[in-house]
Protein backbone atom coordinates (compact mmCIF):
# COMPACT_ATOMS: atom_id res chain seq x y z
CA UNK A 1 4.34 20.47 4.22
CA UNK A 2 3.68 18.82 7.56
CA UNK A 3 1.10 16.04 7.74
CA UNK A 4 -0.83 17.69 10.58
CA UNK A 5 -0.99 21.11 8.93
CA UNK A 6 -4.22 22.34 7.29
CA UNK A 7 -2.42 22.26 3.93
CA UNK A 8 -1.28 18.69 4.54
CA UNK A 9 -4.83 17.62 5.44
CA UNK A 10 -6.23 19.32 2.34
CA UNK A 11 -3.59 17.74 0.11
CA UNK A 12 -4.29 14.22 1.44
CA UNK A 13 -8.04 14.72 1.08
CA UNK A 14 -7.60 15.78 -2.57
CA UNK A 15 -5.26 12.85 -3.22
CA UNK A 16 -7.84 10.38 -1.88
CA UNK A 17 -10.61 12.06 -3.90
CA UNK A 18 -8.55 11.59 -7.08
CA UNK A 19 -7.80 7.96 -6.18
CA UNK A 20 -11.48 7.14 -5.58
CA UNK A 21 -12.49 8.65 -8.92
CA UNK A 22 -9.53 7.27 -10.91
CA UNK A 23 -10.23 4.61 -13.53
CA UNK A 24 -6.93 2.79 -12.90
CA UNK A 25 -6.88 2.76 -9.09
CA UNK A 26 -8.77 0.71 -6.56
CA UNK A 27 -9.66 2.00 -3.11
CA UNK A 28 -11.09 -0.32 -0.47
CA UNK A 29 -12.32 0.57 2.99
CA UNK A 30 -12.67 -1.44 6.17
CA UNK A 31 -15.44 -0.56 8.56
CA UNK A 32 -16.35 -1.72 12.00
CA UNK A 33 -19.92 -1.12 13.10
CA UNK A 34 -20.34 1.57 10.44
CA UNK A 35 -17.12 3.42 11.32
CA UNK A 36 -14.23 3.70 8.85
CA UNK A 37 -11.24 1.98 10.45
CA UNK A 38 -8.94 1.26 7.51
CA UNK A 39 -8.29 2.08 3.89
CA UNK A 40 -6.24 0.64 1.04
CA UNK A 41 -5.21 2.09 -2.31
CA UNK A 42 -3.69 0.14 -5.22
CA UNK A 43 -3.09 0.49 -8.93
CA UNK A 44 -0.50 0.21 -11.67
CA UNK A 45 3.19 0.30 -10.72
CA UNK A 46 4.84 3.72 -10.61
CA UNK A 47 8.30 2.58 -11.74
CA UNK A 48 9.05 1.65 -15.35
CA UNK A 49 11.10 -1.41 -14.33
CA UNK A 50 7.95 -3.13 -12.97
CA UNK A 51 5.87 -4.93 -15.60
CA UNK A 52 2.31 -3.64 -15.30
CA UNK A 53 1.10 -6.74 -17.17
CA UNK A 54 2.10 -8.94 -14.22
CA UNK A 55 2.07 -6.61 -11.20
CA UNK A 56 0.05 -4.13 -9.17
CA UNK A 57 1.35 -1.63 -6.68
CA UNK A 58 -0.01 -1.41 -3.16
CA UNK A 59 0.15 2.34 -2.66
CA UNK A 60 -0.95 2.37 0.95
CA UNK A 61 -2.77 0.66 3.76
CA UNK A 62 -3.82 2.82 6.69
CA UNK A 63 -5.48 1.54 9.84
CA UNK A 64 -6.62 3.65 12.78
CA UNK A 65 -3.88 3.41 15.40
CA UNK A 66 -6.35 2.53 18.16
CA UNK A 67 -7.16 -0.77 16.47
CA UNK A 68 -3.70 -1.84 15.28
CA UNK A 69 -3.09 -5.53 15.82
CA UNK A 70 -6.76 -6.50 15.53
CA UNK A 71 -6.64 -7.87 11.96
CA UNK A 72 -7.88 -4.90 9.93
CA UNK A 73 -4.58 -4.39 8.09
CA UNK A 74 -4.30 -8.12 7.41
CA UNK A 75 -7.86 -8.20 6.06
CA UNK A 76 -7.11 -5.28 3.72
CA UNK A 77 -3.88 -6.98 2.66
CA UNK A 78 -5.81 -10.17 1.91
CA UNK A 79 -8.10 -8.15 -0.37
CA UNK A 80 -5.04 -6.83 -2.25
CA UNK A 81 -3.82 -10.41 -2.74
CA UNK A 82 -7.32 -11.48 -3.87
CA UNK A 83 -7.33 -8.70 -6.50
CA UNK A 84 -3.94 -9.88 -7.76
CA UNK A 85 -5.07 -13.50 -7.98
CA UNK A 86 -8.41 -12.60 -9.61
CA UNK A 87 -6.50 -10.68 -12.29
CA UNK A 88 -3.94 -13.53 -12.71
CA UNK A 89 -1.14 -11.21 -11.59
CA UNK A 90 1.93 -12.70 -9.93
CA UNK A 91 3.65 -9.72 -8.31
CA UNK A 92 2.80 -7.09 -5.76
CA UNK A 93 5.08 -4.13 -5.25
CA UNK A 94 5.08 -1.39 -2.62
CA UNK A 95 7.30 1.27 -1.13
CA UNK A 96 7.70 1.72 2.61
CA UNK A 97 9.47 4.59 4.26
CA UNK A 98 12.78 3.16 5.49
CA UNK A 99 12.17 4.59 8.97
CA UNK A 100 8.81 2.85 9.23
CA UNK A 101 10.00 -0.44 10.69
CA UNK A 102 6.46 -1.27 11.84
CA UNK A 103 5.16 -1.20 8.25
CA UNK A 104 8.14 -3.14 6.93
CA UNK A 105 7.64 -5.82 9.61
CA UNK A 106 3.91 -6.02 8.79
CA UNK A 107 4.63 -6.59 5.11
CA UNK A 108 7.46 -9.06 5.85
CA UNK A 109 5.01 -11.12 7.93
CA UNK A 110 2.80 -11.27 4.83
CA UNK A 111 5.63 -12.51 2.58
CA UNK A 112 7.02 -9.25 1.15
CA UNK A 113 10.77 -8.92 0.64
CA UNK A 114 12.93 -5.85 -0.07
CA UNK A 115 14.13 -5.91 -3.69
CA UNK A 116 17.10 -3.56 -3.26
CA UNK A 117 15.51 -0.52 -4.90
CA UNK A 118 15.47 2.76 -2.93
CA UNK A 119 14.39 6.27 -3.78
CA UNK A 120 14.54 9.53 -1.83
CA UNK A 121 11.72 10.13 0.62
CA UNK A 122 10.77 12.70 3.24
CA UNK A 123 12.95 13.84 6.11
CA UNK A 124 16.28 12.83 4.58
CA UNK A 125 15.08 9.23 4.45
CA UNK A 126 14.45 6.82 1.63
CA UNK A 127 11.63 4.63 0.45
CA UNK A 128 12.44 0.93 0.35
CA UNK A 129 10.72 -1.09 -2.36
CA UNK A 130 9.33 -4.49 -1.43
CA UNK A 131 7.86 -7.26 -3.57
CA UNK A 132 5.37 -10.01 -3.00
CA UNK A 133 5.57 -13.01 -5.31
CA UNK A 134 2.45 -15.06 -5.94
CA UNK A 135 4.21 -17.10 -8.63
CA UNK A 136 4.38 -20.67 -7.30
CA UNK A 137 7.60 -21.23 -9.28
CA UNK A 138 9.44 -18.54 -7.26
């Protein structure tokens, strides 16, 4: 299903509705002058090899393209890190589409590193898993 199709729009809308109403997920929004400009979703790790007692997964950060580079994504990322620290968690994990070099560079600037795990993604591409360590011993 294509992202721009009516079915794709409906599917994403339903997915966000479920995330907002989920008891184990957190959704945060960024607004500028009353207008939604960014959104973040996080929750327990999807993969069994990630210890949910010490980690949370950053499912997605989206920022309106017209305001990229103005700090909204970094502010949302800082909120993710704050949630980890407040919960005494030491690891963040995320998956980025391997073809999305912009996202991978954004996360690398914030201290994330690929951990070698890949899984199949859309368009004959893979997702690359990245980790953020908040453990001062690492």
